[in-house]
Amino acid sequence: MNMVAEVRAFNRFYTEVIGVLQAGMVDTAYSLTEARVLFELATLESAEVSAIRDLLDLDPGYLSRILTKFEAEGLVSRERSAEDGRRQVVRLTAEGRETFVTLDERSAAEVRALLATLTEDDRRRLVASMTTIRGLLTPQARPVPYVIRAPRPGDLGWVVHRHGSLYSQEYGWGAAFEALVARVVADYAERHDPEREAAWIAEVEGAPAGCVFCMRKDDETAQLRLLLVEPSARGMGVGRRLVEECVAFARRAGYRRIMLWTRENLTGARLIYGKAGFVLAERRAGEESGKPVVDEIWTLDL
């Protein structure tokens, strides 16, 4: 795959979707850059021209021409800074704020119309993908918040799908592993006792990003199963929180211990288990999709 060509193709596609190449944004006389300047001025009570220039990375002459146009149309006012007479402070006028509101409302209406053509699941996938792109291209961005919640309709299918897809990509495990996950999830869905079994979904920006299940092994032993964290959510503490939820539930449910089955090459998960207090109790050689693996049993007294 030519990655450069793919990125450029996406850029061309998306600029067409949002109408960037049209003469004016959302049927107005203002370009995308002019609309961004209005947006930043509406967000700030007032700002030095140099701050707007740095924020949007604009050529000084280009920004000056935009502000001159806005001033002639009565959208902004400019004055010398009280702290430094060499600097200009710019702010929106009442008419400028009305113009911004028009732009903002029309832009929001266009996005709502775009989203209306998609199903709820597709809207979640779209927003999650956009969040991933922003996160990857803005490495210094603030950590994205997440929530831990109970499964909703459709989430159990997501658990099977993501286990099958992710473990195939990362470890080469095939259909037999996905079938095992499907059986565990089906057993939980059909026969779980809400008093003694539970499941949790981690959600980031409206999309599932992780999961874990607490299931009955026997009357005194709970089993932590199907811990998974999406690659895009790793490093956020999601796995640790999911394990904590599972262990806390097992204690409340009256189990005396909790155990789990994992594999030696799942180093990230093993690190989380160790920090949560689990200890390695058993190791044995195994096989997955024709590949040798080392199966492990970890336990924690409650």
C-alpha atoms as a PDB file:
ATOM      1  CA  MET A   1       0.000   0.000   0.000  1.00  0.00           C
ATOM      2  CA  ASN A   2       1.257   3.478  -0.906  1.00  0.00           C
ATOM      3  CA  MET A   3       0.555   5.229   2.403  1.00  0.00           C
ATOM      4  CA  VAL A   4       1.288   8.710   1.078  1.00  0.00           C
ATOM      5  CA  ALA A   5      -1.190   8.214  -1.761  1.00  0.00           C
ATOM      6  CA  GLU A   6      -3.828   6.886   0.673  1.00  0.00           C
ATOM      7  CA  VAL A   7      -3.498   9.913   2.967  1.00  0.00           C
ATOM      8  CA  ARG A   8      -3.673  12.310   0.022  1.00  0.00           C
ATOM      9  CA  ALA A   9      -6.731  10.484  -1.343  1.00  0.00           C
ATOM     10  CA  PHE A  10      -8.443  10.806   2.042  1.00  0.00           C
ATOM     11  CA  ASN A  11      -7.633  14.526   2.162  1.00  0.00           C
ATOM     12  CA  ARG A  12      -9.168  15.061  -1.278  1.00  0.00           C
ATOM     13  CA  PHE A  13     -12.235  13.038  -0.318  1.00  0.00           C
ATOM     14  CA  TYR A  14     -12.845  14.813   2.970  1.00  0.00           C
ATOM     15  CA  THR A  15     -12.321  18.333   1.646  1.00  0.00           C
ATOM     16  CA  GLU A  16     -14.974  17.557  -0.964  1.00  0.00           C
ATOM     17  CA  VAL A  17     -17.348  16.155   1.678  1.00  0.00           C
ATOM     18  CA  ILE A  18     -17.159  19.275   3.862  1.00  0.00           C
ATOM     19  CA  GLY A  19     -17.151  21.693   0.948  1.00  0.00           C
ATOM     20  CA  VAL A  20     -13.772  23.322   1.601  1.00  0.00           C
ATOM     21  CA  LEU A  21     -13.220  23.852  -2.127  1.00  0.00           C
ATOM     22  CA  GLN A  22     -16.401  25.884  -2.561  1.00  0.00           C
ATOM     23  CA  ALA A  23     -16.159  29.657  -2.999  1.00  0.00           C
ATOM     24  CA  GLY A  24     -17.667  30.301   0.429  1.00  0.00           C
ATOM     25  CA  MET A  25     -18.316  28.312   3.597  1.00  0.00           C
ATOM     26  CA  VAL A  26     -21.931  27.141   4.121  1.00  0.00           C
ATOM     27  CA  ASP A  27     -23.327  29.446   1.434  1.00  0.00           C
ATOM     28  CA  THR A  28     -21.692  32.590   2.798  1.00  0.00           C
ATOM     29  CA  ALA A  29     -19.103  34.964   1.373  1.00  0.00           C
ATOM     30  CA  TYR A  30     -16.390  33.725   3.742  1.00  0.00           C
ATOM     31  CA  SER A  31     -13.604  31.259   3.027  1.00  0.00           C
ATOM     32  CA  LEU A  32     -12.572  28.488   5.404  1.00  0.00           C
ATOM     33  CA  THR A  33      -9.654  30.575   6.694  1.00  0.00           C
ATOM     34  CA  GLU A  34     -11.859  33.620   7.241  1.00  0.00           C
ATOM     35  CA  ALA A  35     -14.390  31.467   9.080  1.00  0.00           C
ATOM     36  CA  ARG A  36     -11.603  30.114  11.321  1.00  0.00           C
ATOM     37  CA  VAL A  37     -10.496  33.656  12.175  1.00  0.00           C
ATOM     38  CA  LEU A  38     -14.079  34.539  13.116  1.00  0.00           C
ATOM     39  CA  PHE A  39     -14.316  31.375  15.214  1.00  0.00           C
ATOM     40  CA  GLU A  40     -11.165  32.160  17.179  1.00  0.00           C
ATOM     41  CA  LEU A  41     -12.273  35.757  17.764  1.00  0.00           C
ATOM     42  CA  ALA A  42     -15.684  34.530  18.948  1.00  0.00           C
ATOM     43  CA  THR A  43     -14.002  32.120  21.358  1.00  0.00           C
ATOM     44  CA  LEU A  44     -11.826  34.876  22.813  1.00  0.00           C
ATOM     45  CA  GLU A  45     -13.174  38.142  24.200  1.00  0.00           C
ATOM     46  CA  SER A  46     -10.291  39.922  22.484  1.00  0.00           C
ATOM     47  CA  ALA A  47      -6.893  38.890  21.178  1.00  0.00           C
ATOM     48  CA  GLU A  48      -3.702  40.382  19.924  1.00  0.00           C
ATOM     49  CA  VAL A  49      -3.313  40.041  16.176  1.00  0.00           C
ATOM     50  CA  SER A  50      -0.002  38.250  16.691  1.00  0.00           C
ATOM     51  CA  ALA A  51      -1.727  35.635  18.877  1.00  0.00           C
ATOM     52  CA  ILE A  52      -4.312  34.895  16.171  1.00  0.00           C
ATOM     53  CA  ARG A  53      -1.523  34.689  13.599  1.00  0.00           C
ATOM     54  CA  ASP A  54       0.464  32.206  15.708  1.00  0.00           C
ATOM     55  CA  LEU A  55      -2.612  30.161  16.628  1.00  0.00           C
ATOM     56  CA  LEU A  56      -3.640  29.633  13.009  1.00  0.00           C
ATOM     57  CA  ASP A  57      -0.116  29.734  11.564  1.00  0.00           C
ATOM     58  CA  LEU A  58      -1.073  32.416   9.041  1.00  0.00           C
ATOM     59  CA  ASP A  59       1.125  34.662   6.945  1.00  0.00           C
ATOM     60  CA  PRO A  60       1.100  38.137   8.581  1.00  0.00           C
ATOM     61  CA  GLY A  61       0.160  39.871   5.337  1.00  0.00           C
ATOM     62  CA  TYR A  62      -2.674  37.406   4.648  1.00  0.00           C
ATOM     63  CA  LEU A  63      -4.134  37.863   8.138  1.00  0.00           C
ATOM     64  CA  SER A  64      -3.823  41.648   7.827  1.00  0.00           C
ATOM     65  CA  ARG A  65      -5.859  41.572   4.610  1.00  0.00           C
ATOM     66  CA  ILE A  66      -8.535  39.417   6.247  1.00  0.00           C
ATOM     67  CA  LEU A  67      -8.828  41.779   9.222  1.00  0.00           C
ATOM     68  CA  THR A  68      -8.917  44.821   6.945  1.00  0.00           C
ATOM     69  CA  LYS A  69     -11.809  43.210   5.053  1.00  0.00           C
ATOM     70  CA  PHE A  70     -13.614  42.381   8.321  1.00  0.00           C
ATOM     71  CA  GLU A  71     -13.091  45.917   9.617  1.00  0.00           C
ATOM     72  CA  ALA A  72     -14.511  47.419   6.409  1.00  0.00           C
ATOM     73  CA  GLU A  73     -17.588  45.204   6.783  1.00  0.00           C
ATOM     74  CA  GLY A  74     -18.025  46.207  10.425  1.00  0.00           C
ATOM     75  CA  LEU A  75     -17.256  42.746  11.786  1.00  0.00           C
ATOM     76  CA  VAL A  76     -14.203  43.632  13.913  1.00  0.00           C
ATOM     77  CA  SER A  77     -12.600  46.576  15.638  1.00  0.00           C
ATOM     78  CA  ARG A  78      -8.863  47.067  16.122  1.00  0.00           C
ATOM     79  CA  GLU A  79      -6.983  49.183  18.624  1.00  0.00           C
ATOM     80  CA  ARG A  80      -3.515  49.517  20.104  1.00  0.00           C
ATOM     81  CA  SER A  81      -2.673  47.315  23.054  1.00  0.00           C
ATOM     82  CA  ALA A  82      -2.656  49.156  26.391  1.00  0.00           C
ATOM     83  CA  GLU A  83       0.405  47.117  27.456  1.00  0.00           C
ATOM     84  CA  ASP A  84       2.389  47.540  24.248  1.00  0.00           C
ATOM     85  CA  GLY A  85       1.518  50.234  21.733  1.00  0.00           C
ATOM     86  CA  ARG A  86       3.318  48.336  18.994  1.00  0.00           C
ATOM     87  CA  ARG A  87       0.725  45.552  19.159  1.00  0.00           C
ATOM     88  CA  GLN A  88      -2.860  45.513  17.901  1.00  0.00           C
ATOM     89  CA  VAL A  89      -5.829  44.061  19.764  1.00  0.00           C
ATOM     90  CA  VAL A  90      -8.786  42.851  17.715  1.00  0.00           C
ATOM     91  CA  ARG A  91     -12.307  41.918  18.823  1.00  0.00           C
ATOM     92  CA  LEU A  92     -15.619  41.107  17.180  1.00  0.00           C
ATOM     93  CA  THR A  93     -18.306  43.771  16.957  1.00  0.00           C
ATOM     94  CA  ALA A  94     -21.972  42.947  17.565  1.00  0.00           C
ATOM     95  CA  GLU A  95     -22.389  42.507  13.812  1.00  0.00           C
ATOM     96  CA  GLY A  96     -19.332  40.265  13.766  1.00  0.00           C
ATOM     97  CA  ARG A  97     -20.845  38.030  16.435  1.00  0.00           C
ATOM     98  CA  GLU A  98     -24.093  37.786  14.460  1.00  0.00           C
ATOM     99  CA  THR A  99     -22.083  36.734  11.400  1.00  0.00           C
ATOM    100  CA  PHE A 100     -20.223  34.128  13.419  1.00  0.00           C
ATOM    101  CA  VAL A 101     -23.495  32.734  14.831  1.00  0.00           C
ATOM    102  CA  THR A 102     -24.827  32.368  11.282  1.00  0.00           C
ATOM    103  CA  LEU A 103     -21.691  30.529  10.171  1.00  0.00           C
ATOM    104  CA  ASP A 104     -21.678  28.327  13.259  1.00  0.00           C
ATOM    105  CA  GLU A 105     -25.358  27.360  12.996  1.00  0.00           C
ATOM    106  CA  ARG A 106     -25.122  26.578   9.277  1.00  0.00           C
ATOM    107  CA  SER A 107     -21.983  24.524   9.778  1.00  0.00           C
ATOM    108  CA  ALA A 108     -23.607  22.534  12.591  1.00  0.00           C
ATOM    109  CA  ALA A 109     -26.684  21.956  10.415  1.00  0.00           C
ATOM    110  CA  GLU A 110     -24.517  20.568   7.602  1.00  0.00           C
ATOM    111  CA  VAL A 111     -22.807  18.149   9.997  1.00  0.00           C
ATOM    112  CA  ARG A 112     -26.173  17.032  11.420  1.00  0.00           C
ATOM    113  CA  ALA A 113     -27.400  16.378   7.882  1.00  0.00           C
ATOM    114  CA  LEU A 114     -24.278  14.361   7.148  1.00  0.00           C
ATOM    115  CA  LEU A 115     -24.660  12.275  10.313  1.00  0.00           C
ATOM    116  CA  ALA A 116     -28.373  11.740   9.644  1.00  0.00           C
ATOM    117  CA  THR A 117     -27.474   9.537   6.666  1.00  0.00           C
ATOM    118  CA  LEU A 118     -25.663   7.075   8.977  1.00  0.00           C
ATOM    119  CA  THR A 119     -26.875   4.505  11.485  1.00  0.00           C
ATOM    120  CA  GLU A 120     -26.129   5.020  15.172  1.00  0.00           C
ATOM    121  CA  ASP A 121     -23.359   2.404  15.046  1.00  0.00           C
ATOM    122  CA  ASP A 122     -21.819   4.036  11.980  1.00  0.00           C
ATOM    123  CA  ARG A 123     -21.953   7.456  13.653  1.00  0.00           C
ATOM    124  CA  ARG A 124     -20.058   6.033  16.621  1.00  0.00           C
ATOM    125  CA  ARG A 125     -17.487   4.439  14.298  1.00  0.00           C
ATOM    126  CA  LEU A 126     -17.063   7.692  12.382  1.00  0.00           C
ATOM    127  CA  VAL A 127     -16.504   9.795  15.504  1.00  0.00           C
ATOM    128  CA  ALA A 128     -14.179   7.187  17.017  1.00  0.00           C
ATOM    129  CA  SER A 129     -12.109   7.117  13.819  1.00  0.00           C
ATOM    130  CA  MET A 130     -11.886  10.901  13.779  1.00  0.00           C
ATOM    131  CA  THR A 131     -10.764  10.837  17.406  1.00  0.00           C
ATOM    132  CA  THR A 132      -8.070   8.303  16.527  1.00  0.00           C
ATOM    133  CA  ILE A 133      -6.785  10.477  13.685  1.00  0.00           C
ATOM    134  CA  ARG A 134      -6.652  13.541  15.924  1.00  0.00           C
ATOM    135  CA  GLY A 135      -4.874  11.604  18.667  1.00  0.00           C
ATOM    136  CA  LEU A 136      -2.272  10.125  16.332  1.00  0.00           C
ATOM    137  CA  LEU A 137      -1.517  13.447  14.657  1.00  0.00           C
ATOM    138  CA  THR A 138      -1.533  15.417  17.931  1.00  0.00           C
ATOM    139  CA  PRO A 139       0.822  13.392  20.167  1.00  0.00           C
ATOM    140  CA  GLN A 140       0.978  16.125  22.814  1.00  0.00           C
ATOM    141  CA  ALA A 141      -2.801  16.349  23.230  1.00  0.00           C
ATOM    142  CA  ARG A 142      -4.281  15.981  26.717  1.00  0.00           C
ATOM    143  CA  PRO A 143      -5.271  12.441  27.745  1.00  0.00           C
ATOM    144  CA  VAL A 144      -8.715  11.514  26.453  1.00  0.00           C
ATOM    145  CA  PRO A 145     -11.186  10.687  29.268  1.00  0.00           C
ATOM    146  CA  TYR A 146     -12.891   7.307  29.367  1.00  0.00           C
ATOM    147  CA  VAL A 147     -15.847   5.731  31.189  1.00  0.00           C
ATOM    148  CA  ILE A 148     -16.446   2.211  32.472  1.00  0.00           C
ATOM    149  CA  ARG A 149     -20.019   1.046  31.965  1.00  0.00           C
ATOM    150  CA  ALA A 150     -22.228  -2.029  31.709  1.00  0.00           C
ATOM    151  CA  PRO A 151     -22.650  -3.634  28.268  1.00  0.00           C
ATOM    152  CA  ARG A 152     -25.353  -2.302  25.950  1.00  0.00           C
ATOM    153  CA  PRO A 153     -27.074  -4.159  23.095  1.00  0.00           C
ATOM    154  CA  GLY A 154     -24.445  -4.895  20.471  1.00  0.00           C
ATOM    155  CA  ASP A 155     -21.483  -4.741  22.842  1.00  0.00           C
ATOM    156  CA  LEU A 156     -21.199  -8.513  23.278  1.00  0.00           C
ATOM    157  CA  GLY A 157     -20.881  -8.913  19.525  1.00  0.00           C
ATOM    158  CA  TRP A 158     -18.181  -6.241  19.585  1.00  0.00           C
ATOM    159  CA  VAL A 159     -16.287  -8.251  22.231  1.00  0.00           C
ATOM    160  CA  VAL A 160     -16.179 -11.329  19.987  1.00  0.00           C
ATOM    161  CA  HIS A 161     -15.313  -9.318  16.875  1.00  0.00           C
ATOM    162  CA  ARG A 162     -12.480  -7.357  18.468  1.00  0.00           C
ATOM    163  CA  HIS A 163     -10.954 -10.404  20.162  1.00  0.00           C
ATOM    164  CA  GLY A 164     -10.961 -12.284  16.871  1.00  0.00           C
ATOM    165  CA  SER A 165      -9.612  -9.374  14.854  1.00  0.00           C
ATOM    166  CA  LEU A 166      -7.061  -8.003  17.325  1.00  0.00           C
ATOM    167  CA  TYR A 167      -5.536 -11.297  18.427  1.00  0.00           C
ATOM    168  CA  SER A 168      -5.256 -12.367  14.798  1.00  0.00           C
ATOM    169  CA  GLN A 169      -3.421  -9.148  13.915  1.00  0.00           C
ATOM    170  CA  GLU A 170      -1.117  -9.113  16.927  1.00  0.00           C
ATOM    171  CA  TYR A 171      -0.466 -12.819  17.566  1.00  0.00           C
ATOM    172  CA  GLY A 172      -1.708 -14.745  14.539  1.00  0.00           C
ATOM    173  CA  TRP A 173      -4.405 -16.614  16.474  1.00  0.00           C
ATOM    174  CA  GLY A 174      -7.126 -17.918  14.205  1.00  0.00           C
ATOM    175  CA  ALA A 175     -10.766 -18.977  14.091  1.00  0.00           C
ATOM    176  CA  ALA A 176     -10.466 -21.484  16.954  1.00  0.00           C
ATOM    177  CA  PHE A 177      -9.589 -18.689  19.394  1.00  0.00           C
ATOM    178  CA  GLU A 178     -12.439 -16.502  18.136  1.00  0.00           C
ATOM    179  CA  ALA A 179     -14.811 -19.463  18.530  1.00  0.00           C
ATOM    180  CA  LEU A 180     -13.654 -19.892  22.135  1.00  0.00           C
ATOM    181  CA  VAL A 181     -14.395 -16.233  22.842  1.00  0.00           C
ATOM    182  CA  ALA A 182     -17.812 -16.565  21.189  1.00  0.00           C
ATOM    183  CA  ARG A 183     -18.675 -19.539  23.427  1.00  0.00           C
ATOM    184  CA  VAL A 184     -17.642 -17.636  26.575  1.00  0.00           C
ATOM    185  CA  VAL A 185     -19.711 -14.610  25.574  1.00  0.00           C
ATOM    186  CA  ALA A 186     -22.713 -16.751  24.605  1.00  0.00           C
ATOM    187  CA  ASP A 187     -22.566 -18.585  27.937  1.00  0.00           C
ATOM    188  CA  TYR A 188     -22.481 -15.267  29.784  1.00  0.00           C
ATOM    189  CA  ALA A 189     -25.388 -13.840  27.774  1.00  0.00           C
ATOM    190  CA  GLU A 190     -27.595 -16.897  28.224  1.00  0.00           C
ATOM    191  CA  ARG A 191     -26.897 -18.077  31.762  1.00  0.00           C
ATOM    192  CA  HIS A 192     -25.123 -15.466  33.865  1.00  0.00           C
ATOM    193  CA  ASP A 193     -26.337 -14.733  37.390  1.00  0.00           C
ATOM    194  CA  PRO A 194     -26.377 -10.918  37.867  1.00  0.00           C
ATOM    195  CA  GLU A 195     -25.665 -11.378  41.567  1.00  0.00           C
ATOM    196  CA  ARG A 196     -22.432 -13.271  40.937  1.00  0.00           C
ATOM    197  CA  GLU A 197     -21.369 -12.363  37.395  1.00  0.00           C
ATOM    198  CA  ALA A 198     -20.893  -9.076  35.546  1.00  0.00           C
ATOM    199  CA  ALA A 199     -19.205  -7.472  32.553  1.00  0.00           C
ATOM    200  CA  TRP A 200     -17.832  -4.009  31.828  1.00  0.00           C
ATOM    201  CA  ILE A 201     -17.131  -2.005  28.693  1.00  0.00           C
ATOM    202  CA  ALA A 202     -14.594   0.810  28.610  1.00  0.00           C
ATOM    203  CA  GLU A 203     -15.731   3.630  26.347  1.00  0.00           C
ATOM    204  CA  VAL A 204     -13.600   6.415  24.856  1.00  0.00           C
ATOM    205  CA  GLU A 205     -15.279   9.266  22.996  1.00  0.00           C
ATOM    206  CA  GLY A 206     -18.497   7.286  22.633  1.00  0.00           C
ATOM    207  CA  ALA A 207     -16.919   4.091  21.244  1.00  0.00           C
ATOM    208  CA  PRO A 208     -16.044   0.774  22.972  1.00  0.00           C
ATOM    209  CA  ALA A 209     -12.333   0.616  23.765  1.00  0.00           C
ATOM    210  CA  GLY A 210     -12.015  -2.299  26.192  1.00  0.00           C
ATOM    211  CA  CYS A 211     -13.834  -5.004  28.137  1.00  0.00           C
ATOM    212  CA  VAL A 212     -13.597  -7.526  30.947  1.00  0.00           C
ATOM    213  CA  PHE A 213     -15.910 -10.195  32.423  1.00  0.00           C
ATOM    214  CA  CYS A 214     -16.247 -11.617  35.941  1.00  0.00           C
ATOM    215  CA  MET A 215     -17.707 -15.137  35.748  1.00  0.00           C
ATOM    216  CA  ARG A 216     -18.350 -17.967  38.195  1.00  0.00           C
ATOM    217  CA  LYS A 217     -15.723 -20.731  38.277  1.00  0.00           C
ATOM    218  CA  ASP A 218     -17.240 -22.439  41.316  1.00  0.00           C
ATOM    219  CA  ASP A 219     -19.071 -21.321  44.464  1.00  0.00           C
ATOM    220  CA  GLU A 220     -15.912 -19.881  46.024  1.00  0.00           C
ATOM    221  CA  THR A 221     -13.928 -18.882  42.925  1.00  0.00           C
ATOM    222  CA  ALA A 222     -14.568 -16.158  40.373  1.00  0.00           C
ATOM    223  CA  GLN A 223     -12.814 -16.060  36.989  1.00  0.00           C
ATOM    224  CA  LEU A 224     -11.649 -12.890  35.265  1.00  0.00           C
ATOM    225  CA  ARG A 225     -12.172 -13.373  31.533  1.00  0.00           C
ATOM    226  CA  LEU A 226     -11.769 -11.597  28.193  1.00  0.00           C
ATOM    227  CA  LEU A 227      -9.745  -8.583  29.248  1.00  0.00           C
ATOM    228  CA  LEU A 228      -9.085  -6.513  26.138  1.00  0.00           C
ATOM    229  CA  VAL A 229      -7.954  -2.939  25.525  1.00  0.00           C
ATOM    230  CA  GLU A 230      -7.906  -1.368  22.075  1.00  0.00           C
ATOM    231  CA  PRO A 231      -4.435  -0.273  20.912  1.00  0.00           C
ATOM    232  CA  SER A 232      -5.679   3.334  20.682  1.00  0.00           C
ATOM    233  CA  ALA A 233      -6.621   3.260  24.392  1.00  0.00           C
ATOM    234  CA  ARG A 234      -3.503   1.610  25.776  1.00  0.00           C
ATOM    235  CA  GLY A 235      -1.460   3.653  28.208  1.00  0.00           C
ATOM    236  CA  MET A 236      -4.546   5.435  29.572  1.00  0.00           C
ATOM    237  CA  GLY A 237      -5.049   3.133  32.573  1.00  0.00           C
ATOM    238  CA  VAL A 238      -8.090   1.436  31.009  1.00  0.00           C
ATOM    239  CA  GLY A 239      -6.843  -2.116  31.592  1.00  0.00           C
ATOM    240  CA  ARG A 240      -6.002  -1.413  35.226  1.00  0.00           C
ATOM    241  CA  ARG A 241      -9.450   0.085  35.859  1.00  0.00           C
ATOM    242  CA  LEU A 242     -11.233  -2.842  34.227  1.00  0.00           C
ATOM    243  CA  VAL A 243      -9.324  -5.334  36.374  1.00  0.00           C
ATOM    244  CA  GLU A 244     -10.052  -3.287  39.509  1.00  0.00           C
ATOM    245  CA  GLU A 245     -13.777  -3.300  38.693  1.00  0.00           C
ATOM    246  CA  CYS A 246     -13.724  -7.057  38.214  1.00  0.00           C
ATOM    247  CA  VAL A 247     -11.859  -7.756  41.474  1.00  0.00           C
ATOM    248  CA  ALA A 248     -14.066  -5.375  43.478  1.00  0.00           C
ATOM    249  CA  PHE A 249     -17.210  -7.051  42.132  1.00  0.00           C
ATOM    250  CA  ALA A 250     -15.867 -10.517  42.988  1.00  0.00           C
ATOM    251  CA  ARG A 251     -15.307  -9.368  46.587  1.00  0.00           C
ATOM    252  CA  ARG A 252     -18.814  -7.922  46.848  1.00  0.00           C
ATOM    253  CA  ALA A 253     -20.291 -11.107  45.369  1.00  0.00           C
ATOM    254  CA  GLY A 254     -18.759 -13.161  48.198  1.00  0.00           C
ATOM    255  CA  TYR A 255     -16.090 -15.124  46.343  1.00  0.00           C
ATOM    256  CA  ARG A 256     -13.046 -16.187  48.356  1.00  0.00           C
ATOM    257  CA  ARG A 257     -10.623 -16.014  45.415  1.00  0.00           C
ATOM    258  CA  ILE A 258     -10.424 -14.972  41.785  1.00  0.00           C
ATOM    259  CA  MET A 259      -8.397 -16.642  39.040  1.00  0.00           C
ATOM    260  CA  LEU A 260      -7.638 -16.047  35.385  1.00  0.00           C
ATOM    261  CA  TRP A 261      -6.126 -17.795  32.392  1.00  0.00           C
ATOM    262  CA  THR A 262      -3.647 -15.926  30.240  1.00  0.00           C
ATOM    263  CA  ARG A 263      -0.584 -16.607  28.133  1.00  0.00           C
ATOM    264  CA  GLU A 264       3.073 -15.828  28.620  1.00  0.00           C
ATOM    265  CA  ASN A 265       3.322 -13.604  25.529  1.00  0.00           C
ATOM    266  CA  LEU A 266       0.517 -11.289  26.690  1.00  0.00           C
ATOM    267  CA  THR A 267       3.033  -9.143  28.521  1.00  0.00           C
ATOM    268  CA  GLY A 268       0.866  -6.031  28.913  1.00  0.00           C
ATOM    269  CA  ALA A 269      -1.977  -7.971  30.525  1.00  0.00           C
ATOM    270  CA  ARG A 270       0.413  -9.907  32.776  1.00  0.00           C
ATOM    271  CA  LEU A 271       1.886  -6.642  34.039  1.00  0.00           C
ATOM    272  CA  ILE A 272      -1.600  -5.381  34.932  1.00  0.00           C
ATOM    273  CA  TYR A 273      -2.433  -8.641  36.747  1.00  0.00           C
ATOM    274  CA  GLY A 274       0.758  -8.519  38.761  1.00  0.00           C
ATOM    275  CA  LYS A 275       0.156  -4.937  39.851  1.00  0.00           C
ATOM    276  CA  ALA A 276      -3.402  -5.882  40.882  1.00  0.00           C
ATOM    277  CA  GLY A 277      -2.036  -8.524  43.266  1.00  0.00           C
ATOM    278  CA  PHE A 278      -2.474 -11.681  41.191  1.00  0.00           C
ATOM    279  CA  VAL A 279       0.283 -14.294  41.471  1.00  0.00           C
ATOM    280  CA  LEU A 280       1.339 -16.890  38.928  1.00  0.00           C
ATOM    281  CA  ALA A 281       0.104 -20.287  40.128  1.00  0.00           C
ATOM    282  CA  GLU A 282       0.575 -22.628  37.168  1.00  0.00           C
ATOM    283  CA  ARG A 283       2.300 -22.815  33.772  1.00  0.00           C
ATOM    284  CA  ARG A 284       1.873 -25.394  31.031  1.00  0.00           C
ATOM    285  CA  ALA A 285       2.783 -25.756  27.372  1.00  0.00           C
ATOM    286  CA  GLY A 286      -0.033 -25.314  24.881  1.00  0.00           C
ATOM    287  CA  GLU A 287      -0.806 -24.577  21.254  1.00  0.00           C
ATOM    288  CA  GLU A 288      -2.854 -21.939  19.458  1.00  0.00           C
ATOM    289  CA  SER A 289      -3.454 -21.927  15.695  1.00  0.00           C
ATOM    290  CA  GLY A 290      -0.525 -24.281  15.206  1.00  0.00           C
ATOM    291  CA  LYS A 291       1.833 -22.115  17.236  1.00  0.00           C
ATOM    292  CA  PRO A 292       3.360 -23.121  20.595  1.00  0.00           C
ATOM    293  CA  VAL A 293       2.227 -21.017  23.561  1.00  0.00           C
ATOM    294  CA  VAL A 294       2.665 -21.105  27.320  1.00  0.00           C
ATOM    295  CA  ASP A 295      -0.634 -21.049  29.205  1.00  0.00           C
ATOM    296  CA  GLU A 296      -0.684 -19.538  32.692  1.00  0.00           C
ATOM    297  CA  ILE A 297      -3.091 -19.551  35.624  1.00  0.00           C
ATOM    298  CA  TRP A 298      -2.948 -16.540  37.960  1.00  0.00           C
ATOM    299  CA  THR A 299      -4.820 -16.299  41.272  1.00  0.00           C
ATOM    300  CA  LEU A 300      -5.696 -13.701  43.900  1.00  0.00           C
ATOM    301  CA  ASP A 301      -7.111 -14.399  47.365  1.00  0.00           C
ATOM    302  CA  LEU A 302      -9.961 -12.058  48.236  1.00  0.00           C
END
